[in-house]
Each structure stands twice: as C-alpha cells, then as structure tokens.
C-alpha cells in the first residue's frame, strides 16, 4: 500500500490510497489523519486547490486539483483532536 503523498513539498502520511485513470489522467483518492496541531497548515495548503502531486512509492508525479474533499470533524481548533480527511485529486490537462 502507498503510505505517503506529497502535495507541493508537504509530506502527508496516508491511511488509504486508491488510484485510477480517467481519460488517461490520474485520479487519486486518499484518506489521512490531521491533528489539531497541524490543522492550520493543512487547511492553508488545501485552500490552494491545485498542487504538484507526488506519489514517491509509485514514481507518479502530476499537477493536480481537488476534485472532492471532506473531513470527519469540523472543529480541529480544539486541542488534542484528530480528524480524518478524505481527499480526491485529479490530474490537470497540460
């Protein structure tokens, strides 16, 4: 199983990874945990919407945009909370 993904230069440890090709473009769905301590940094990263995506273990790299994302918890500002994020990225056409 793929254990990490990089969005720009941020390494994110994964709980789940799925990949498929749609019209010859990558579509990657991941699930990962976010702690209250890292929530702000992850939120600011995801607000960008488009990233250099790297999956080092599969030697995959592409420019991708958020297709869908959700979280299991809405208030990660409270100390010692952990939320689970579901994120789907799609490769952008050149």
PDB file of N, CA and C in Angstrom:
ATOM      1  N   UNK A   1       0.838  -1.200   0.000  1.00  0.00           N
ATOM      2  CA  UNK A   1       0.000   0.000   0.000  1.00  0.00           C
ATOM      3  C   UNK A   1       0.875   1.253   0.000  1.00  0.00           C
ATOM      4  N   UNK A   2       0.424   2.273  -0.662  1.00  0.00           N
ATOM      5  CA  UNK A   2       1.115   3.555  -0.672  1.00  0.00           C
ATOM      6  C   UNK A   2       0.943   4.192   0.706  1.00  0.00           C
ATOM      7  N   UNK A   3       2.033   4.653   1.302  1.00  0.00           N
ATOM      8  CA  UNK A   3       1.982   5.178   2.668  1.00  0.00           C
ATOM      9  C   UNK A   3       2.058   6.692   2.764  1.00  0.00           C
ATOM     10  N   UNK A   4       2.426   7.367   1.642  1.00  0.00           N
ATOM     11  CA  UNK A   4       2.519   8.832   1.715  1.00  0.00           C
ATOM     12  C   UNK A   4       2.293   9.457   0.345  1.00  0.00           C
ATOM     13  N   UNK A   5       1.878  10.707   0.410  1.00  0.00           N
ATOM     14  CA  UNK A   5       1.702  11.529  -0.778  1.00  0.00           C
ATOM     15  C   UNK A   5       2.341  12.880  -0.471  1.00  0.00           C
ATOM     16  N   UNK A   6       2.817  13.548  -1.509  1.00  0.00           N
ATOM     17  CA  UNK A   6       3.361  14.894  -1.342  1.00  0.00           C
ATOM     18  C   UNK A   6       2.493  15.862  -2.118  1.00  0.00           C
ATOM     19  N   UNK A   7       2.027  16.890  -1.438  1.00  0.00           N
ATOM     20  CA  UNK A   7       1.313  17.992  -2.073  1.00  0.00           C
ATOM     21  C   UNK A   7       2.241  19.186  -1.985  1.00  0.00           C
ATOM     22  N   UNK A   8       2.696  19.663  -3.124  1.00  0.00           N
ATOM     23  CA  UNK A   8       3.796  20.605  -3.195  1.00  0.00           C
ATOM     24  C   UNK A   8       4.952  19.946  -2.446  1.00  0.00           C
ATOM     25  N   UNK A   9       5.467  20.513  -1.412  1.00  0.00           N
ATOM     26  CA  UNK A   9       6.574  19.879  -0.686  1.00  0.00           C
ATOM     27  C   UNK A   9       6.137  19.279   0.648  1.00  0.00           C
ATOM     28  N   UNK A  10       4.830  19.273   0.927  1.00  0.00           N
ATOM     29  CA  UNK A  10       4.305  18.747   2.194  1.00  0.00           C
ATOM     30  C   UNK A  10       4.069  17.239   2.096  1.00  0.00           C
ATOM     31  N   UNK A  11       4.728  16.476   2.971  1.00  0.00           N
ATOM     32  CA  UNK A  11       4.546  15.028   3.018  1.00  0.00           C
ATOM     33  C   UNK A  11       3.374  14.719   3.935  1.00  0.00           C
ATOM     34  N   UNK A  12       2.442  13.900   3.448  1.00  0.00           N
ATOM     35  CA  UNK A  12       1.267  13.513   4.224  1.00  0.00           C
ATOM     36  C   UNK A  12       1.238  11.994   4.316  1.00  0.00           C
ATOM     37  N   UNK A  13       1.197  11.490   5.551  1.00  0.00           N
ATOM     38  CA  UNK A  13       1.114  10.051   5.798  1.00  0.00           C
ATOM     39  C   UNK A  13      -0.327   9.589   5.567  1.00  0.00           C
ATOM     40  N   UNK A  14      -0.501   8.491   4.864  1.00  0.00           N
ATOM     41  CA  UNK A  14      -1.827   8.047   4.441  1.00  0.00           C
ATOM     42  C   UNK A  14      -2.331   6.834   5.222  1.00  0.00           C
ATOM     43  N   UNK A  15      -3.653   6.783   5.374  1.00  0.00           N
ATOM     44  CA  UNK A  15      -4.341   5.604   5.902  1.00  0.00           C
ATOM     45  C   UNK A  15      -4.873   4.756   4.751  1.00  0.00           C
ATOM     46  N   UNK A  16      -5.173   5.401   3.627  1.00  0.00           N
ATOM     47  CA  UNK A  16      -5.773   4.712   2.489  1.00  0.00           C
ATOM     48  C   UNK A  16      -5.359   5.418   1.204  1.00  0.00           C
ATOM     49  N   UNK A  17      -5.235   4.629   0.128  1.00  0.00           N
ATOM     50  CA  UNK A  17      -4.836   5.170  -1.173  1.00  0.00           C
ATOM     51  C   UNK A  17      -5.521   4.376  -2.278  1.00  0.00           C
ATOM     52  N   UNK A  18      -6.140   5.092  -3.207  1.00  0.00           N
ATOM     53  CA  UNK A  18      -6.713   4.479  -4.404  1.00  0.00           C
ATOM     54  C   UNK A  18      -6.363   5.352  -5.594  1.00  0.00           C
ATOM     55  N   UNK A  19      -6.088   4.691  -6.696  1.00  0.00           N
ATOM     56  CA  UNK A  19      -5.755   5.442  -7.909  1.00  0.00           C
ATOM     57  C   UNK A  19      -6.449   4.808  -9.096  1.00  0.00           C
ATOM     58  N   UNK A  20      -6.810   5.653 -10.036  1.00  0.00           N
ATOM     59  CA  UNK A  20      -7.372   5.178 -11.297  1.00  0.00           C
ATOM     60  C   UNK A  20      -7.008   6.177 -12.371  1.00  0.00           C
ATOM     61  N   UNK A  21      -7.207   5.771 -13.612  1.00  0.00           N
ATOM     62  CA  UNK A  21      -7.015   6.683 -14.737  1.00  0.00           C
ATOM     63  C   UNK A  21      -8.373   6.943 -15.357  1.00  0.00           C
ATOM     64  N   UNK A  22      -8.659   8.216 -15.567  1.00  0.00           N
ATOM     65  CA  UNK A  22      -9.900   8.638 -16.208  1.00  0.00           C
ATOM     66  C   UNK A  22      -9.494   9.491 -17.414  1.00  0.00           C
ATOM     67  N   UNK A  23      -9.839   9.031 -18.599  1.00  0.00           N
ATOM     68  CA  UNK A  23      -9.425   9.720 -19.828  1.00  0.00           C
ATOM     69  C   UNK A  23      -7.918   9.968 -19.857  1.00  0.00           C
ATOM     70  N   UNK A  24      -7.160   8.957 -19.448  1.00  0.00           N
ATOM     71  CA  UNK A  24      -5.695   8.997 -19.435  1.00  0.00           C
ATOM     72  C   UNK A  24      -5.096   9.926 -18.376  1.00  0.00           C
ATOM     73  N   UNK A  25      -5.912  10.454 -17.483  1.00  0.00           N
ATOM     74  CA  UNK A  25      -5.434  11.332 -16.411  1.00  0.00           C
ATOM     75  C   UNK A  25      -5.608  10.631 -15.069  1.00  0.00           C
ATOM     76  N   UNK A  26      -4.662  10.876 -14.160  1.00  0.00           N
ATOM     77  CA  UNK A  26      -4.738  10.267 -12.831  1.00  0.00           C
ATOM     78  C   UNK A  26      -5.873  10.857 -12.000  1.00  0.00           C
ATOM     79  N   UNK A  27      -6.512   9.982 -11.257  1.00  0.00           N
ATOM     80  CA  UNK A  27      -7.477  10.369 -10.225  1.00  0.00           C
ATOM     81  C   UNK A  27      -7.078   9.581  -8.985  1.00  0.00           C
ATOM     82  N   UNK A  28      -6.700  10.304  -7.932  1.00  0.00           N
ATOM     83  CA  UNK A  28      -6.165   9.694  -6.723  1.00  0.00           C
ATOM     84  C   UNK A  28      -7.041  10.078  -5.540  1.00  0.00           C
ATOM     85  N   UNK A  29      -7.458   9.063  -4.788  1.00  0.00           N
ATOM     86  CA  UNK A  29      -8.254   9.291  -3.579  1.00  0.00           C
ATOM     87  C   UNK A  29      -7.467   8.789  -2.377  1.00  0.00           C
ATOM     88  N   UNK A  30      -7.366   9.637  -1.359  1.00  0.00           N
ATOM     89  CA  UNK A  30      -6.605   9.292  -0.162  1.00  0.00           C
ATOM     90  C   UNK A  30      -7.409   9.611   1.090  1.00  0.00           C
ATOM     91  N   UNK A  31      -7.062   8.931   2.162  1.00  0.00           N
ATOM     92  CA  UNK A  31      -7.606   9.225   3.491  1.00  0.00           C
ATOM     93  C   UNK A  31      -6.408   9.385   4.423  1.00  0.00           C
ATOM     94  N   UNK A  32      -6.430  10.443   5.227  1.00  0.00           N
ATOM     95  CA  UNK A  32      -5.325  10.687   6.158  1.00  0.00           C
ATOM     96  C   UNK A  32      -5.840  11.399   7.395  1.00  0.00           C
ATOM     97  N   UNK A  33      -5.088  11.264   8.477  1.00  0.00           N
ATOM     98  CA  UNK A  33      -5.434  11.909   9.738  1.00  0.00           C
ATOM     99  C   UNK A  33      -4.790  13.284   9.822  1.00  0.00           C
ATOM    100  N   UNK A  34      -5.513  14.208  10.434  1.00  0.00           N
ATOM    101  CA  UNK A  34      -5.000  15.555  10.694  1.00  0.00           C
ATOM    102  C   UNK A  34      -5.229  15.853  12.172  1.00  0.00           C
ATOM    103  N   UNK A  35      -4.167  16.210  12.866  1.00  0.00           N
ATOM    104  CA  UNK A  35      -4.289  16.561  14.282  1.00  0.00           C
ATOM    105  C   UNK A  35      -4.616  18.037  14.422  1.00  0.00           C
ATOM    106  N   UNK A  36      -5.083  18.402  15.601  1.00  0.00           N
ATOM    107  CA  UNK A  36      -5.388  19.816  15.844  1.00  0.00           C
ATOM    108  C   UNK A  36      -4.124  20.665  15.711  1.00  0.00           C
ATOM    109  N   UNK A  37      -2.959  20.090  15.996  1.00  0.00           N
ATOM    110  CA  UNK A  37      -1.705  20.839  15.893  1.00  0.00           C
ATOM    111  C   UNK A  37      -1.334  21.148  14.449  1.00  0.00           C
ATOM    112  N   UNK A  38      -1.683  20.273  13.517  1.00  0.00           N
ATOM    113  CA  UNK A  38      -1.309  20.507  12.120  1.00  0.00           C
ATOM    114  C   UNK A  38      -2.471  21.005  11.265  1.00  0.00           C
ATOM    115  N   UNK A  39      -3.626  21.160  11.869  1.00  0.00           N
ATOM    116  CA  UNK A  39      -4.838  21.546  11.145  1.00  0.00           C
ATOM    117  C   UNK A  39      -4.650  22.828  10.334  1.00  0.00           C
ATOM    118  N   UNK A  40      -4.120  23.872  10.954  1.00  0.00           N
ATOM    119  CA  UNK A  40      -3.986  25.163  10.268  1.00  0.00           C
ATOM    120  C   UNK A  40      -3.128  25.019   9.004  1.00  0.00           C
ATOM    121  N   UNK A  41      -1.988  24.352   9.122  1.00  0.00           N
ATOM    122  CA  UNK A  41      -1.089  24.198   7.977  1.00  0.00           C
ATOM    123  C   UNK A  41      -1.746  23.396   6.859  1.00  0.00           C
ATOM    124  N   UNK A  42      -2.436  22.324   7.213  1.00  0.00           N
ATOM    125  CA  UNK A  42      -3.114  21.502   6.202  1.00  0.00           C
ATOM    126  C   UNK A  42      -4.255  22.292   5.555  1.00  0.00           C
ATOM    127  N   UNK A  43      -5.022  23.009   6.365  1.00  0.00           N
ATOM    128  CA  UNK A  43      -6.133  23.799   5.824  1.00  0.00           C
ATOM    129  C   UNK A  43      -5.618  24.851   4.834  1.00  0.00           C
ATOM    130  N   UNK A  44      -4.551  25.537   5.203  1.00  0.00           N
ATOM    131  CA  UNK A  44      -3.994  26.558   4.312  1.00  0.00           C
ATOM    132  C   UNK A  44      -3.475  25.928   3.014  1.00  0.00           C
ATOM    133  N   UNK A  45      -2.874  24.762   3.123  1.00  0.00           N
ATOM    134  CA  UNK A  45      -2.397  24.063   1.930  1.00  0.00           C
ATOM    135  C   UNK A  45      -3.563  23.695   1.025  1.00  0.00           C
ATOM    136  N   UNK A  46      -4.618  23.102   1.596  1.00  0.00           N
ATOM    137  CA  UNK A  46      -5.751  22.652   0.789  1.00  0.00           C
ATOM    138  C   UNK A  46      -6.513  23.816   0.161  1.00  0.00           C
ATOM    139  N   UNK A  47      -6.509  24.979   0.798  1.00  0.00           N
ATOM    140  CA  UNK A  47      -7.182  26.153   0.225  1.00  0.00           C
ATOM    141  C   UNK A  47      -6.580  26.556  -1.119  1.00  0.00           C
ATOM    142  N   UNK A  48      -5.333  26.177  -1.367  1.00  0.00           N
ATOM    143  CA  UNK A  48      -4.710  26.491  -2.652  1.00  0.00           C
ATOM    144  C   UNK A  48      -5.442  25.805  -3.807  1.00  0.00           C
ATOM    145  N   UNK A  49      -5.938  24.597  -3.557  1.00  0.00           N
ATOM    146  CA  UNK A  49      -6.756  23.901  -4.536  1.00  0.00           C
ATOM    147  C   UNK A  49      -6.017  23.130  -5.618  1.00  0.00           C
ATOM    148  N   UNK A  50      -4.817  23.568  -5.976  1.00  0.00           N
ATOM    149  CA  UNK A  50      -4.028  22.932  -7.026  1.00  0.00           C
ATOM    150  C   UNK A  50      -2.606  22.730  -6.510  1.00  0.00           C
ATOM    151  N   UNK A  51      -2.029  21.560  -6.843  1.00  0.00           N
ATOM    152  CA  UNK A  51      -0.740  21.185  -6.244  1.00  0.00           C
ATOM    153  C   UNK A  51       0.128  20.420  -7.224  1.00  0.00           C
ATOM    154  N   UNK A  52       1.427  20.416  -6.930  1.00  0.00           N
ATOM    155  CA  UNK A  52       2.327  19.436  -7.524  1.00  0.00           C
ATOM    156  C   UNK A  52       2.158  18.183  -6.681  1.00  0.00           C
ATOM    157  N   UNK A  53       1.639  17.134  -7.291  1.00  0.00           N
ATOM    158  CA  UNK A  53       1.339  15.889  -6.573  1.00  0.00           C
ATOM    159  C   UNK A  53       2.436  14.877  -6.884  1.00  0.00           C
ATOM    160  N   UNK A  54       2.969  14.261  -5.825  1.00  0.00           N
ATOM    161  CA  UNK A  54       3.978  13.208  -5.988  1.00  0.00           C
ATOM    162  C   UNK A  54       3.569  12.017  -5.137  1.00  0.00           C
ATOM    163  N   UNK A  55       3.655  10.846  -5.735  1.00  0.00           N
ATOM    164  CA  UNK A  55       3.469   9.594  -5.007  1.00  0.00           C
ATOM    165  C   UNK A  55       4.783   8.848  -5.188  1.00  0.00           C
ATOM    166  N   UNK A  56       5.741   9.094  -4.276  1.00  0.00           N
ATOM    167  CA  UNK A  56       7.102   8.577  -4.460  1.00  0.00           C
ATOM    168  C   UNK A  56       7.173   7.060  -4.619  1.00  0.00           C
ATOM    169  N   UNK A  57       6.359   6.336  -3.885  1.00  0.00           N
ATOM    170  CA  UNK A  57       6.437   4.875  -3.920  1.00  0.00           C
ATOM    171  C   UNK A  57       6.011   4.296  -5.269  1.00  0.00           C
ATOM    172  N   UNK A  58       5.283   5.071  -6.068  1.00  0.00           N
ATOM    173  CA  UNK A  58       4.837   4.606  -7.386  1.00  0.00           C
ATOM    174  C   UNK A  58       5.486   5.407  -8.515  1.00  0.00           C
ATOM    175  N   UNK A  59       6.371   6.336  -8.145  1.00  0.00           N
ATOM    176  CA  UNK A  59       7.046   7.201  -9.116  1.00  0.00           C
ATOM    177  C   UNK A  59       6.053   7.928 -10.005  1.00  0.00           C
ATOM    178  N   UNK A  60       4.993   8.432  -9.385  1.00  0.00           N
ATOM    179  CA  UNK A  60       3.964   9.190 -10.092  1.00  0.00           C
ATOM    180  C   UNK A  60       4.084  10.657  -9.700  1.00  0.00           C
ATOM    181  N   UNK A  61       4.055  11.538 -10.685  1.00  0.00           N
ATOM    182  CA  UNK A  61       4.063  12.975 -10.454  1.00  0.00           C
ATOM    183  C   UNK A  61       3.119  13.624 -11.452  1.00  0.00           C
ATOM    184  N   UNK A  62       2.325  14.572 -10.969  1.00  0.00           N
ATOM    185  CA  UNK A  62       1.441  15.319 -11.858  1.00  0.00           C
ATOM    186  C   UNK A  62       0.977  16.590 -11.163  1.00  0.00           C
ATOM    187  N   UNK A  63       0.447  17.507 -11.956  1.00  0.00           N
ATOM    188  CA  UNK A  63      -0.190  18.714 -11.431  1.00  0.00           C
ATOM    189  C   UNK A  63      -1.650  18.353 -11.233  1.00  0.00           C
ATOM    190  N   UNK A  64      -2.135  18.486 -10.001  1.00  0.00           N
ATOM    191  CA  UNK A  64      -3.487  18.042  -9.707  1.00  0.00           C
ATOM    192  C   UNK A  64      -4.298  19.075  -8.960  1.00  0.00           C
ATOM    193  N   UNK A  65      -5.621  18.955  -9.089  1.00  0.00           N
ATOM    194  CA  UNK A  65      -6.556  19.854  -8.419  1.00  0.00           C
ATOM    195  C   UNK A  65      -7.514  19.020  -7.570  1.00  0.00           C
ATOM    196  N   UNK A  66      -8.039  19.662  -6.529  1.00  0.00           N
ATOM    197  CA  UNK A  66      -9.003  18.989  -5.668  1.00  0.00           C
ATOM    198  C   UNK A  66     -10.285  18.747  -6.450  1.00  0.00           C
ATOM    199  N   UNK A  67     -10.716  17.507  -6.451  1.00  0.00           N
ATOM    200  CA  UNK A  67     -11.980  17.119  -7.063  1.00  0.00           C
ATOM    201  C   UNK A  67     -13.059  17.054  -5.983  1.00  0.00           C
ATOM    202  N   UNK A  68     -12.659  16.564  -4.801  1.00  0.00           N
ATOM    203  CA  UNK A  68     -13.587  16.426  -3.687  1.00  0.00           C
ATOM    204  C   UNK A  68     -12.787  16.271  -2.399  1.00  0.00           C
ATOM    205  N   UNK A  69     -13.305  16.843  -1.311  1.00  0.00           N
ATOM    206  CA  UNK A  69     -12.711  16.515  -0.021  1.00  0.00           C
ATOM    207  C   UNK A  69     -13.717  16.742   1.087  1.00  0.00           C
ATOM    208  N   UNK A  70     -13.503  15.989   2.166  1.00  0.00           N
ATOM    209  CA  UNK A  70     -14.364  16.097   3.341  1.00  0.00           C
ATOM    210  C   UNK A  70     -13.547  15.740   4.574  1.00  0.00           C
ATOM    211  N   UNK A  71     -14.103  16.072   5.723  1.00  0.00           N
ATOM    212  CA  UNK A  71     -13.444  15.751   6.980  1.00  0.00           C
ATOM    213  C   UNK A  71     -14.458  15.202   7.969  1.00  0.00           C
ATOM    214  N   UNK A  72     -13.976  14.369   8.866  1.00  0.00           N
ATOM    215  CA  UNK A  72     -14.852  13.732   9.848  1.00  0.00           C
ATOM    216  C   UNK A  72     -15.161  14.632  11.032  1.00  0.00           C
ATOM    217  N   UNK A  73     -14.432  15.732  11.148  1.00  0.00           N
ATOM    218  CA  UNK A  73     -14.601  16.630  12.296  1.00  0.00           C
ATOM    219  C   UNK A  73     -14.460  18.064  11.810  1.00  0.00           C
ATOM    220  N   UNK A  74     -15.272  18.947  12.331  1.00  0.00           N
ATOM    221  CA  UNK A  74     -15.247  20.320  11.825  1.00  0.00           C
ATOM    222  C   UNK A  74     -14.479  21.286  12.713  1.00  0.00           C
ATOM    223  N   UNK A  75     -14.190  20.927  13.949  1.00  0.00           N
ATOM    224  CA  UNK A  75     -13.501  21.856  14.829  1.00  0.00           C
ATOM    225  C   UNK A  75     -12.192  21.270  15.332  1.00  0.00           C
ATOM    226  N   UNK A  76     -11.189  21.335  14.486  1.00  0.00           N
ATOM    227  CA  UNK A  76      -9.866  20.871  14.887  1.00  0.00           C
ATOM    228  C   UNK A  76      -9.077  21.942  15.622  1.00  0.00           C
ATOM    229  N   UNK A  77      -9.726  23.075  15.928  1.00  0.00           N
ATOM    230  CA  UNK A  77      -9.057  24.086  16.740  1.00  0.00           C
ATOM    231  C   UNK A  77      -8.985  23.656  18.202  1.00  0.00           C
ATOM    232  N   UNK A  78      -9.843  22.721  18.606  1.00  0.00           N
ATOM    233  CA  UNK A  78      -9.786  22.211  19.975  1.00  0.00           C
ATOM    234  C   UNK A  78      -8.571  21.307  20.120  1.00  0.00           C
ATOM    235  N   UNK A  79      -7.848  21.473  21.219  1.00  0.00           N
ATOM    236  CA  UNK A  79      -6.614  20.738  21.465  1.00  0.00           C
ATOM    237  C   UNK A  79      -6.862  19.233  21.519  1.00  0.00           C
ATOM    238  N   UNK A  80      -5.860  18.485  21.033  1.00  0.00           N
ATOM    239  CA  UNK A  80      -5.833  17.017  21.099  1.00  0.00           C
ATOM    240  C   UNK A  80      -6.933  16.335  20.289  1.00  0.00           C
ATOM    241  N   UNK A  81      -7.404  16.977  19.232  1.00  0.00           N
ATOM    242  CA  UNK A  81      -8.393  16.372  18.340  1.00  0.00           C
ATOM    243  C   UNK A  81      -7.680  15.796  17.116  1.00  0.00           C
ATOM    244  N   UNK A  82      -8.285  14.761  16.543  1.00  0.00           N
ATOM    245  CA  UNK A  82      -7.780  14.179  15.299  1.00  0.00           C
ATOM    246  C   UNK A  82      -8.961  13.998  14.355  1.00  0.00           C
ATOM    247  N   UNK A  83      -8.836  14.545  13.166  1.00  0.00           N
ATOM    248  CA  UNK A  83      -9.870  14.382  12.155  1.00  0.00           C
ATOM    249  C   UNK A  83      -9.349  13.542  11.011  1.00  0.00           C
ATOM    250  N   UNK A  84     -10.250  12.886  10.345  1.00  0.00           N
ATOM    251  CA  UNK A  84      -9.880  12.091   9.186  1.00  0.00           C
ATOM    252  C   UNK A  84     -10.325  12.836   7.926  1.00  0.00           C
ATOM    253  N   UNK A  85      -9.375  13.105   7.046  1.00  0.00           N
ATOM    254  CA  UNK A  85      -9.662  13.803   5.791  1.00  0.00           C
ATOM    255  C   UNK A  85      -9.745  12.803   4.653  1.00  0.00           C
ATOM    256  N   UNK A  86     -10.729  13.002   3.778  1.00  0.00           N
ATOM    257  CA  UNK A  86     -10.854  12.253   2.534  1.00  0.00           C
ATOM    258  C   UNK A  86     -10.643  13.252   1.416  1.00  0.00           C
ATOM    259  N   UNK A  87      -9.698  12.972   0.556  1.00  0.00           N
ATOM    260  CA  UNK A  87      -9.304  13.905  -0.493  1.00  0.00           C
ATOM    261  C   UNK A  87      -9.171  13.178  -1.818  1.00  0.00           C
ATOM    262  N   UNK A  88      -9.794  13.716  -2.856  1.00  0.00           N
ATOM    263  CA  UNK A  88      -9.642  13.184  -4.204  1.00  0.00           C
ATOM    264  C   UNK A  88      -9.048  14.274  -5.085  1.00  0.00           C
ATOM    265  N   UNK A  89      -7.980  13.916  -5.766  1.00  0.00           N
ATOM    266  CA  UNK A  89      -7.270  14.833  -6.657  1.00  0.00           C
ATOM    267  C   UNK A  89      -7.357  14.303  -8.079  1.00  0.00           C
ATOM    268  N   UNK A  90      -7.486  15.207  -9.042  1.00  0.00           N
ATOM    269  CA  UNK A  90      -7.470  14.815 -10.441  1.00  0.00           C
ATOM    270  C   UNK A  90      -6.350  15.560 -11.166  1.00  0.00           C
ATOM    271  N   UNK A  91      -5.702  14.846 -12.054  1.00  0.00           N
ATOM    272  CA  UNK A  91      -4.636  15.439 -12.837  1.00  0.00           C
ATOM    273  C   UNK A  91      -5.200  16.469 -13.801  1.00  0.00           C
ATOM    274  N   UNK A  92      -4.516  17.598 -13.892  1.00  0.00           N
ATOM    275  CA  UNK A  92      -4.931  18.635 -14.832  1.00  0.00           C
ATOM    276  C   UNK A  92      -4.318  18.348 -16.199  1.00  0.00           C
ATOM    277  N   UNK A  93      -5.075  18.667 -17.242  1.00  0.00           N
ATOM    278  CA  UNK A  93      -4.550  18.541 -18.602  1.00  0.00           C
ATOM    279  C   UNK A  93      -3.496  19.612 -18.819  1.00  0.00           C
ATOM    280  N   UNK A  94      -2.503  19.282 -19.628  1.00  0.00           N
ATOM    281  CA  UNK A  94      -1.452  20.268 -19.938  1.00  0.00           C
ATOM    282  C   UNK A  94      -1.992  21.423 -20.715  1.00  0.00           C
TER     283      UNK A  94
END
